[in-house]
Amino acid sequence: MLDPRLAGLIRQDVQSMHAYAVQDSAGMVKLDAMENPYSLPPQLQAELGRRLGALALNRYPDRRLGDLRQALASYAKLPAGFTLMLGNGSDELISLLAMACDLPGASILAPVPGFVMYAMSAQLQGLNFVGVPLSRDFELDLPAMLDAIGQHKPSITYLAYPNNPTANCWDDTAIETIIAAVGRQGGLVVMDEAYQPFAGKSYIDRIADHGHVLLMRTLSKFGLAGIRLGYMMGPAALMAQIDKVRPPYNVSVLNCECALFALEHQEVFAQQAQAIVAERERLLAALAALPGVTAFRSDANMVLLRLGGPPERASAVFQALKEQRVLVKNVSKMHPLLANCLRLTVGTPDENALLLQALQHSL
């Protein structure tokens, strides 16, 4: 128990929160966190090791961060007049944006179920979070979104493209309608493209049409979850203001050099993404053949499935999978729309075969 004298130093709302849970994956087929299952080829591992070993770890990050920003801008095809800022993963960028927009009465809005850090960043910054439920088939409820935007006038509206945990890209016409509505009342829209390598489309081609839309990506799903590097893109004048709340040296020289190396060999990661997309389609077809299983369309490197049966079926199957050393994500308690749902990361062919075998046994 926390010493009562120390408890008085911690915000009451923080004490009532649950920390972000990371499952123990030792010895497991790890299919719970939407990671790229492929590592670098041995030759590239050796080359990267030599580069990292030559870094001046006794010095703060320097101009190489500028090189990385330029490389990412080129990779993303960032339009003229736009710039980007770097973060220690997308999580930090989400927190920094909430900090920059923390005005009295400000709120953050997002469809739910969605990425939990949108709500958590709002709570930690003392902002109101407005979650607008998706439809039963996990599409945007456009009338409800427009009503919430008009009522709450959010400072920030998040639209994940594709969404986590539902894995789908939403209707483009609905997205444009929401962007226009937010723009009329003076808010920001953040298009979160964490899973862009697997989606086959991006909002980058339309970002120049709006002065209030930011686009956020991460190298985690690109294949570098371990280095924790995200980037947010937007109009230069707006990004200059948000960048003022970024801690100095928030991206290490190791993270920076790994990211530059990956971008120099981006064709390797593109091939890995293609392999994951092909496996995703095979996995969806195999899941569709299982009795009592509904697998939803996916534009990401994960699959959301719903199990038929009693209310605790997903939890029972999740536990049975763990006992067979296969780790997935039990999202059935995250939101009422996710009742009896599990989220599966698309793995290698061997990992997916083990998953399907364990799932058949568990069912």
Foldseek 3Di string as FASTA:
>chain_A
DDDPVVVVVDDPVVVPDDPDDDDDQVLFLEWADQFLQDDDDPVLVVVLVVVVVPDPQVDFDDCLVVVLQVLVCVVLVADPQKGKDKALAVLRVLLLVCVLPPDPLAEEEEEPPFDPSNVVSCVVSVHHYHYHYDPLLRERPLVSLLVCCVVRLHQEYEDEQPTPPAQHGYDPVSVVVNCVSSVVSNHAYEYEDQFVLQQVDDCSVPQVVDQRYKYKYACRNLRCVPQRMIMIMHRPVVVVSSCVSDDPSNHGPSSSSVSVSCSVVSVVSSVSSVQLNVLVVVLQVLQVPDPQKDWHDHSGQKIKIAGDDDQCLLVQLQVQSVVVRYHHARCCPVDVSNGRMTMTGRYHPVSSVSVSVSSNVSD
